[in-house]
Amino acid sequence: MNENAKPSVSVYAAIELSKSTWLVAVLSPNSDRVKLRQVRGGDTAALVGMLEREQMSATQVDGCPAEIVVCFEAGYDGFWLARFLRKRGIRTSVLDSTSFLVNRRSRRAKTDRLDAESMVMMFKSFDQGDRTVCREVRVPTPEEEDAKRLDRERLQLSAERTRHVNRIRALLNLHGVREVKALWGGDWRGWLQVVRTADDEPLGKFLAAELTREFERLELVHAHIRDLDRQLEEGLRDGALGIPNVDKVRRIATLKGIGRLSAVLLVSEVFHRQFANRKCLASFLGLAPSPYASGAVKHDQGISKAGNRFARRLLVELAWCWLRYQPTSALSQWYRGTFGAGSGRSRKIGVIALARKLAVAIWRFVEDGLVPQGASLKPEAP
């Protein structure tokens, strides 16, 4: 034990969240015994009351109450609980569960009780300065969290549209119909009435009814996408929608190869934050390398994939767009000089590296106005 470490003057509480029950592990000052308390899931009044009772009972030698410090894992319940507790003066941290130090045995006991007990012990070490046991997640503001809904709903609608299109194609392919019309708009009802199978038979009544319902759902998704795109366009044009950091969105959208929707996603998911350096940015995106070196064995395990998957996927797509729309830029020339003569697999790996470099270039463009070397701006850009 480090003799220079300062003694704890805090009551540590770790909350294991679930829908029905919140299990709270409490560690009082100058004690290694973990107490377990239960409150009904979502009952914030009972939680605050229990924490205040623990705080009052854990008095210091001079009679002053200890500080209550709370943590829980980032996950399904989001960040509302952290904001709720902080408003009431309770210091609260949200932890990244994938960063926890765990027993590496192939089969280990796992229960809510054990998880809560180990989490409160780890959090005590973390709060006293040991940054190797876990990592803390930044709690976004309500405005930052709400800003993500626009682009994430747009991504969800696009995925839903793809599912409906694939379903319609699959149903018709069962009967030899390979050319499907009106998938992206048009008179699909009239087409369904005249289409015939590969053996020159009309569609069965149950198949036609199922296809009608699929087309109706697809038509509704198309309408939702158009409405959302219209809202985004109007919000960026006149600011009436209240999109946060709209100036950053407009700046990114001036680069050729990056559309307004992509710019909104990049800002709402990534560039609303401040990064100390490019390594922090790559780590947040999950685009940082993961080396493996043990004895004489050394190899690269690929990127960490530990960050924001929405932004990471978009940056890979933008890397391909960058090669097409910014062929004379320094990044595109670097990629072609390094990976252009390689195999298809090596070119795909190279695009990941390009995505990381592109993220850094966009970050510098957003923060400092430094245009990526050799990049072109859109004609309407100032």
Protein backbone atom coordinates (compact mmCIF):
# COMPACT_ATOMS: atom_id res chain seq x y z
CA MET A 1 0.00 0.00 0.00
CA ASN A 2 1.23 3.50 -0.73
CA GLU A 3 2.01 5.08 2.66
CA ASN A 4 1.79 8.57 1.17
CA ALA A 5 -1.79 8.12 -0.03
CA LYS A 6 -4.21 10.38 1.79
CA PRO A 7 -6.88 8.66 3.91
CA SER A 8 -10.38 8.59 2.50
CA VAL A 9 -12.77 11.27 3.72
CA SER A 10 -15.60 10.26 1.40
CA VAL A 11 -18.46 7.82 1.39
CA TYR A 12 -18.26 5.91 -1.89
CA ALA A 13 -21.38 4.45 -3.48
CA ALA A 14 -21.58 2.34 -6.64
CA ILE A 15 -25.00 1.79 -8.20
CA GLU A 16 -25.70 -1.36 -10.19
CA LEU A 17 -28.62 -0.27 -12.36
CA SER A 18 -31.43 -2.48 -13.62
CA LYS A 19 -35.08 -1.98 -14.54
CA SER A 20 -36.58 -3.41 -11.36
CA THR A 21 -33.93 -2.83 -8.68
CA TRP A 22 -30.98 -0.55 -8.07
CA LEU A 23 -28.33 -2.27 -5.97
CA VAL A 24 -26.09 0.23 -4.15
CA ALA A 25 -22.72 -0.78 -2.70
CA VAL A 26 -21.58 1.66 0.00
CA LEU A 27 -18.03 1.98 1.32
CA SER A 28 -17.69 4.17 4.40
CA PRO A 29 -14.52 6.07 5.37
CA ASN A 30 -11.82 4.08 7.17
CA SER A 31 -13.65 0.82 6.46
CA ASP A 32 -13.09 -1.99 3.97
CA ARG A 33 -16.49 -3.58 4.54
CA VAL A 34 -18.94 -2.96 1.71
CA LYS A 35 -22.57 -2.49 2.69
CA LEU A 36 -25.31 -3.32 0.20
CA ARG A 37 -28.55 -1.38 -0.08
CA GLN A 38 -31.48 -1.82 -2.47
CA VAL A 39 -33.95 0.70 -3.85
CA ARG A 40 -36.66 0.26 -6.42
CA GLY A 41 -35.50 0.97 -9.97
CA GLY A 42 -36.17 4.59 -10.90
CA ASP A 43 -37.04 5.67 -7.35
CA THR A 44 -34.71 8.66 -7.15
CA ALA A 45 -36.22 9.99 -3.93
CA ALA A 46 -35.45 6.73 -2.14
CA LEU A 47 -31.93 6.72 -3.60
CA VAL A 48 -31.15 10.26 -2.45
CA GLY A 49 -32.63 9.57 0.98
CA MET A 50 -30.52 6.44 1.40
CA LEU A 51 -27.35 8.28 0.31
CA GLU A 52 -28.04 11.11 2.76
CA ARG A 53 -28.53 8.63 5.60
CA GLU A 54 -25.23 6.95 4.78
CA GLN A 55 -23.55 10.34 4.65
CA MET A 56 -24.89 11.35 8.05
CA SER A 57 -23.90 8.06 9.68
CA ALA A 58 -20.34 8.20 8.35
CA THR A 59 -19.05 11.13 10.40
CA GLN A 60 -15.39 11.99 10.75
CA VAL A 61 -13.54 12.17 14.01
CA ASP A 62 -14.26 15.89 14.30
CA GLY A 63 -17.97 15.33 13.74
CA CYS A 64 -18.14 16.72 10.18
CA PRO A 65 -20.09 14.61 7.68
CA ALA A 66 -18.17 12.97 4.88
CA GLU A 67 -18.67 13.80 1.22
CA ILE A 68 -20.84 11.36 -0.71
CA VAL A 69 -19.36 10.24 -4.04
CA VAL A 70 -21.42 8.12 -6.46
CA CYS A 71 -20.60 6.15 -9.58
CA PHE A 72 -22.39 3.85 -12.01
CA GLU A 73 -21.69 2.26 -15.37
CA ALA A 74 -22.49 3.99 -18.65
CA GLY A 75 -25.16 2.05 -20.50
CA TYR A 76 -28.85 1.63 -21.11
CA ASP A 77 -29.95 4.24 -18.56
CA GLY A 78 -28.00 7.06 -20.17
CA PHE A 79 -26.78 10.10 -18.23
CA TRP A 80 -29.93 11.53 -16.70
CA LEU A 81 -29.20 10.04 -13.27
CA ALA A 82 -25.76 11.67 -13.15
CA ARG A 83 -27.26 15.07 -13.94
CA PHE A 84 -30.03 14.49 -11.39
CA LEU A 85 -27.56 13.70 -8.60
CA ARG A 86 -25.18 16.53 -9.52
CA LYS A 87 -28.01 19.05 -9.31
CA ARG A 88 -28.43 17.94 -5.69
CA GLY A 89 -24.79 18.49 -4.86
CA ILE A 90 -23.73 14.83 -5.07
CA ARG A 91 -20.44 14.30 -6.89
CA THR A 92 -21.20 11.67 -9.52
CA SER A 93 -19.05 9.86 -12.06
CA VAL A 94 -20.10 7.65 -14.97
CA LEU A 95 -17.63 4.84 -15.65
CA ASP A 96 -16.74 2.96 -18.81
CA SER A 97 -17.44 -0.67 -17.93
CA THR A 98 -15.13 -1.97 -20.67
CA SER A 99 -12.18 -0.34 -18.89
CA PHE A 100 -12.63 -2.23 -15.60
CA LEU A 101 -9.80 -4.45 -14.39
CA VAL A 102 -11.32 -7.92 -14.06
CA ASN A 103 -10.21 -11.41 -13.12
CA ARG A 104 -8.83 -13.06 -16.26
CA ARG A 105 -9.84 -16.61 -15.37
CA SER A 106 -11.86 -18.27 -18.10
CA ARG A 107 -14.80 -18.81 -15.77
CA ARG A 108 -15.44 -16.34 -13.00
CA ALA A 109 -18.40 -15.65 -10.77
CA LYS A 110 -20.56 -12.73 -11.88
CA THR A 111 -23.53 -11.39 -9.96
CA ASP A 112 -24.94 -7.92 -9.37
CA ARG A 113 -23.62 -8.07 -5.79
CA LEU A 114 -20.08 -8.93 -6.88
CA ASP A 115 -20.18 -6.32 -9.65
CA ALA A 116 -21.32 -3.58 -7.27
CA GLU A 117 -18.73 -4.50 -4.64
CA SER A 118 -15.85 -4.57 -7.12
CA MET A 119 -17.02 -1.33 -8.76
CA VAL A 120 -17.07 0.62 -5.50
CA MET A 121 -13.57 -0.62 -4.59
CA MET A 122 -12.24 0.30 -8.04
CA PHE A 123 -13.91 3.68 -7.91
CA LYS A 124 -12.32 4.44 -4.55
CA SER A 125 -8.89 3.70 -6.01
CA PHE A 126 -9.72 5.79 -9.08
CA ASP A 127 -10.89 8.74 -7.01
CA GLN A 128 -7.70 8.62 -4.95
CA GLY A 129 -5.53 8.92 -8.05
CA ASP A 130 -5.12 5.45 -9.58
CA ARG A 131 -6.13 5.98 -13.21
CA THR A 132 -5.27 2.41 -14.26
CA VAL A 133 -8.29 0.68 -12.70
CA CYS A 134 -11.02 2.28 -14.85
CA ARG A 135 -11.92 5.28 -16.99
CA GLU A 136 -14.51 7.98 -16.47
CA VAL A 137 -16.99 8.94 -19.19
CA ARG A 138 -17.73 12.59 -19.84
CA VAL A 139 -21.37 13.41 -19.07
CA PRO A 140 -22.85 15.42 -21.97
CA THR A 141 -25.12 18.37 -21.44
CA PRO A 142 -28.82 17.88 -22.24
CA GLU A 143 -28.37 20.04 -25.35
CA GLU A 144 -25.42 17.96 -26.58
CA GLU A 145 -27.29 14.72 -25.97
CA ASP A 146 -30.43 16.00 -27.68
CA ALA A 147 -28.45 17.18 -30.72
CA LYS A 148 -27.50 13.58 -31.46
CA ARG A 149 -31.11 12.57 -32.01
CA LEU A 150 -31.37 14.21 -35.45
CA ASP A 151 -28.50 12.34 -37.06
CA ARG A 152 -29.10 9.08 -35.21
CA GLU A 153 -32.76 9.05 -36.25
CA ARG A 154 -31.63 9.71 -39.82
CA LEU A 155 -29.22 6.75 -39.66
CA GLN A 156 -31.94 4.56 -38.15
CA LEU A 157 -34.40 5.51 -40.89
CA SER A 158 -31.80 4.76 -43.57
CA ALA A 159 -31.21 1.32 -42.08
CA GLU A 160 -34.96 0.73 -41.85
CA ARG A 161 -35.36 1.74 -45.50
CA THR A 162 -32.67 -0.75 -46.51
CA ARG A 163 -34.43 -3.53 -44.60
CA HIS A 164 -37.74 -2.85 -46.37
CA VAL A 165 -36.08 -2.69 -49.79
CA ASN A 166 -34.23 -5.95 -49.17
CA ARG A 167 -37.41 -7.61 -47.94
CA ILE A 168 -39.36 -6.59 -51.05
CA ARG A 169 -36.58 -7.75 -53.36
CA ALA A 170 -36.33 -11.08 -51.53
CA LEU A 171 -40.07 -11.75 -51.72
CA LEU A 172 -40.17 -11.04 -55.45
CA ASN A 173 -36.97 -12.96 -56.13
CA LEU A 174 -38.67 -16.10 -54.80
CA HIS A 175 -40.88 -15.91 -57.89
CA GLY A 176 -38.20 -14.92 -60.38
CA VAL A 177 -38.97 -11.19 -60.43
CA ARG A 178 -35.53 -9.57 -60.48
CA GLU A 179 -36.39 -6.06 -61.65
CA VAL A 180 -38.35 -4.19 -58.99
CA LYS A 181 -39.81 -0.79 -59.81
CA ALA A 182 -40.99 2.10 -57.62
CA LEU A 183 -38.68 1.24 -54.72
CA TRP A 184 -37.55 4.86 -54.45
CA GLY A 185 -40.89 6.44 -55.30
CA GLY A 186 -43.52 6.16 -57.99
CA ASP A 187 -46.72 4.25 -58.62
CA TRP A 188 -45.90 1.01 -56.86
CA ARG A 189 -49.59 0.10 -56.51
CA GLY A 190 -50.07 0.14 -60.28
CA TRP A 191 -46.86 -1.85 -60.80
CA LEU A 192 -47.96 -4.55 -58.34
CA GLN A 193 -51.20 -5.01 -60.29
CA VAL A 194 -49.43 -5.73 -63.59
CA VAL A 195 -46.25 -7.52 -62.52
CA ARG A 196 -46.08 -11.25 -63.26
CA THR A 197 -43.83 -14.00 -61.99
CA ALA A 198 -41.07 -15.59 -64.08
CA ASP A 199 -43.45 -18.37 -65.14
CA ASP A 200 -45.99 -15.78 -66.35
CA GLU A 201 -48.40 -16.05 -63.43
CA PRO A 202 -49.94 -13.21 -61.43
CA LEU A 203 -48.80 -12.66 -57.87
CA GLY A 204 -50.60 -14.70 -55.24
CA LYS A 205 -53.15 -12.77 -53.21
CA PHE A 206 -51.30 -13.27 -49.92
CA LEU A 207 -47.96 -12.33 -51.50
CA ALA A 208 -49.53 -9.23 -53.06
CA ALA A 209 -51.03 -8.25 -49.71
CA GLU A 210 -47.67 -8.67 -47.94
CA LEU A 211 -45.89 -6.65 -50.62
CA THR A 212 -48.51 -3.93 -50.32
CA ARG A 213 -47.86 -3.63 -46.59
CA GLU A 214 -44.09 -3.59 -47.16
CA PHE A 215 -44.41 -0.85 -49.78
CA GLU A 216 -46.66 1.17 -47.45
CA ARG A 217 -44.05 0.96 -44.69
CA LEU A 218 -41.31 1.86 -47.16
CA GLU A 219 -43.34 4.84 -48.39
CA LEU A 220 -43.75 6.05 -44.81
CA VAL A 221 -40.00 5.77 -44.17
CA HIS A 222 -39.33 7.75 -47.37
CA ALA A 223 -41.66 10.48 -46.10
CA HIS A 224 -39.96 10.58 -42.70
CA ILE A 225 -36.52 10.87 -44.31
CA ARG A 226 -37.67 13.71 -46.58
CA ASP A 227 -39.21 15.53 -43.63
CA LEU A 228 -36.08 15.13 -41.51
CA ASP A 229 -33.81 16.29 -44.34
CA ARG A 230 -36.03 19.33 -44.84
CA GLN A 231 -35.78 20.18 -41.14
CA LEU A 232 -32.00 19.89 -41.26
CA GLU A 233 -31.74 22.10 -44.33
CA GLU A 234 -33.98 24.78 -42.82
CA GLY A 235 -32.20 24.58 -39.47
CA LEU A 236 -28.79 25.08 -41.06
CA ARG A 237 -30.03 27.87 -43.31
CA ASP A 238 -31.81 30.11 -40.81
CA GLY A 239 -30.90 28.59 -37.43
CA ALA A 240 -34.57 28.25 -36.44
CA LEU A 241 -34.15 24.59 -35.48
CA GLY A 242 -31.61 25.46 -32.80
CA ILE A 243 -28.93 23.00 -33.91
CA PRO A 244 -25.95 23.44 -31.53
CA ASN A 245 -22.58 24.51 -32.97
CA VAL A 246 -24.20 25.38 -36.30
CA ASP A 247 -21.13 27.41 -37.30
CA LYS A 248 -18.97 24.29 -37.06
CA VAL A 249 -21.48 22.36 -39.16
CA ARG A 250 -21.45 25.02 -41.87
CA ARG A 251 -17.66 25.13 -41.90
CA ILE A 252 -17.27 21.37 -42.31
CA ALA A 253 -19.93 21.32 -45.03
CA THR A 254 -17.81 23.69 -47.15
CA LEU A 255 -15.35 20.86 -47.86
CA LYS A 256 -16.00 19.00 -51.10
CA GLY A 257 -17.06 15.43 -50.46
CA ILE A 258 -18.76 16.17 -47.12
CA GLY A 259 -22.50 16.83 -47.13
CA ARG A 260 -24.57 18.71 -44.60
CA LEU A 261 -25.96 15.58 -42.96
CA SER A 262 -22.45 14.21 -42.50
CA ALA A 263 -21.35 17.56 -41.08
CA VAL A 264 -24.21 17.53 -38.57
CA LEU A 265 -23.30 14.02 -37.46
CA LEU A 266 -19.60 14.85 -37.11
CA VAL A 267 -20.29 17.90 -34.95
CA SER A 268 -23.01 16.35 -32.79
CA GLU A 269 -21.03 13.14 -32.21
CA VAL A 270 -17.43 14.39 -32.15
CA PHE A 271 -16.52 18.01 -32.66
CA HIS A 272 -18.77 19.52 -29.98
CA ARG A 273 -16.03 18.30 -27.61
CA GLN A 274 -12.56 19.68 -26.95
CA PHE A 275 -9.59 17.37 -27.57
CA ALA A 276 -6.13 17.94 -26.15
CA ASN A 277 -4.33 16.45 -29.15
CA ARG A 278 -4.81 14.17 -32.15
CA LYS A 279 -4.14 11.04 -30.08
CA CYS A 280 -7.09 11.86 -27.85
CA LEU A 281 -9.25 12.36 -30.94
CA ALA A 282 -8.21 9.01 -32.47
CA SER A 283 -8.80 7.25 -29.15
CA PHE A 284 -12.28 8.76 -28.80
CA LEU A 285 -13.17 7.56 -32.31
CA GLY A 286 -11.76 4.08 -31.75
CA LEU A 287 -9.33 4.60 -34.63
CA ALA A 288 -6.20 4.33 -32.47
CA PRO A 289 -3.94 1.30 -33.13
CA SER A 290 -3.84 -1.65 -30.72
CA PRO A 291 -0.30 -3.08 -30.72
CA TYR A 292 0.53 -6.48 -29.23
CA ALA A 293 4.07 -7.03 -27.95
CA SER A 294 4.89 -9.94 -25.64
CA GLY A 295 8.44 -11.24 -25.68
CA ALA A 296 9.45 -11.96 -29.24
CA VAL A 297 5.85 -11.82 -30.49
CA LYS A 298 4.91 -8.46 -31.93
CA HIS A 299 2.03 -7.59 -34.22
CA ASP A 300 -0.73 -5.06 -34.75
CA GLN A 301 -4.24 -6.04 -33.65
CA GLY A 302 -5.90 -3.34 -35.73
CA ILE A 303 -7.84 -0.36 -34.44
CA SER A 304 -9.26 -0.37 -30.93
CA LYS A 305 -12.93 0.17 -31.96
CA ALA A 306 -13.42 1.49 -28.44
CA GLY A 307 -14.98 4.82 -29.34
CA ASN A 308 -18.03 6.27 -31.02
CA ARG A 309 -19.14 3.72 -33.61
CA PHE A 310 -21.46 6.13 -35.43
CA ALA A 311 -18.69 8.63 -36.09
CA ARG A 312 -16.15 5.91 -36.86
CA ARG A 313 -18.36 4.36 -39.52
CA LEU A 314 -19.08 7.76 -41.04
CA LEU A 315 -15.39 8.69 -41.19
CA VAL A 316 -14.59 5.49 -43.07
CA GLU A 317 -17.33 6.33 -45.58
CA LEU A 318 -16.02 9.89 -45.85
CA ALA A 319 -12.52 8.56 -46.47
CA TRP A 320 -13.77 6.83 -49.62
CA CYS A 321 -15.62 10.02 -50.62
CA TRP A 322 -12.47 12.04 -49.99
CA LEU A 323 -10.52 9.89 -52.46
CA ARG A 324 -13.19 10.55 -55.08
CA TYR A 325 -13.93 14.25 -54.56
CA GLN A 326 -10.52 15.44 -53.31
CA PRO A 327 -8.11 13.52 -55.61
CA THR A 328 -5.46 16.27 -55.58
CA SER A 329 -5.33 16.68 -51.79
CA ALA A 330 -2.26 15.63 -49.83
CA LEU A 331 -4.24 12.94 -48.01
CA SER A 332 -5.43 11.32 -51.26
CA GLN A 333 -1.93 11.44 -52.73
CA TRP A 334 -0.51 9.88 -49.56
CA TYR A 335 -3.06 7.07 -49.74
CA ARG A 336 -2.41 6.31 -53.41
CA GLY A 337 1.34 6.42 -52.92
CA THR A 338 1.21 4.08 -49.91
CA PHE A 339 -1.65 1.69 -50.70
CA GLY A 340 -2.58 2.31 -54.35
CA ALA A 341 -0.48 -0.57 -55.70
CA GLY A 342 -1.51 -3.01 -52.98
CA SER A 343 -4.17 -5.69 -52.86
CA GLY A 344 -7.82 -5.02 -52.17
CA ARG A 345 -7.34 -5.97 -48.53
CA SER A 346 -4.42 -3.61 -48.05
CA ARG A 347 -6.38 -0.77 -49.68
CA LYS A 348 -9.24 -1.32 -47.25
CA ILE A 349 -6.78 -1.26 -44.35
CA GLY A 350 -5.32 1.91 -45.80
CA VAL A 351 -8.73 3.57 -45.81
CA ILE A 352 -8.88 3.11 -42.03
CA ALA A 353 -5.57 4.95 -41.74
CA LEU A 354 -6.89 7.61 -44.10
CA ALA A 355 -10.02 7.97 -41.96
CA ARG A 356 -7.84 8.63 -38.91
CA LYS A 357 -5.79 11.26 -40.76
CA LEU A 358 -8.97 12.79 -42.18
CA ALA A 359 -10.48 13.10 -38.70
CA VAL A 360 -7.41 15.01 -37.53
CA ALA A 361 -7.51 17.25 -40.62
CA ILE A 362 -11.21 18.06 -40.10
CA TRP A 363 -10.57 18.74 -36.41
CA ARG A 364 -7.86 21.27 -37.27
CA PHE A 365 -10.14 22.82 -39.88
CA VAL A 366 -12.97 23.17 -37.36
CA GLU A 367 -10.88 24.53 -34.50
CA ASP A 368 -8.25 26.62 -36.30
CA GLY A 369 -9.66 27.16 -39.80
CA LEU A 370 -6.68 25.31 -41.30
CA VAL A 371 -7.85 23.91 -44.66
CA PRO A 372 -6.45 20.40 -45.30
CA GLN A 373 -3.45 20.62 -47.60
CA GLY A 374 -4.53 20.55 -51.24
CA ALA A 375 -8.23 20.28 -50.38
CA SER A 376 -10.91 22.09 -52.37
CA LEU A 377 -13.86 24.01 -50.98
CA LYS A 378 -17.30 24.03 -52.53
CA PRO A 379 -18.04 26.89 -54.95
CA GLU A 380 -20.54 28.50 -52.60
CA ALA A 381 -17.99 28.64 -49.80
CA PRO A 382 -16.76 32.11 -48.89
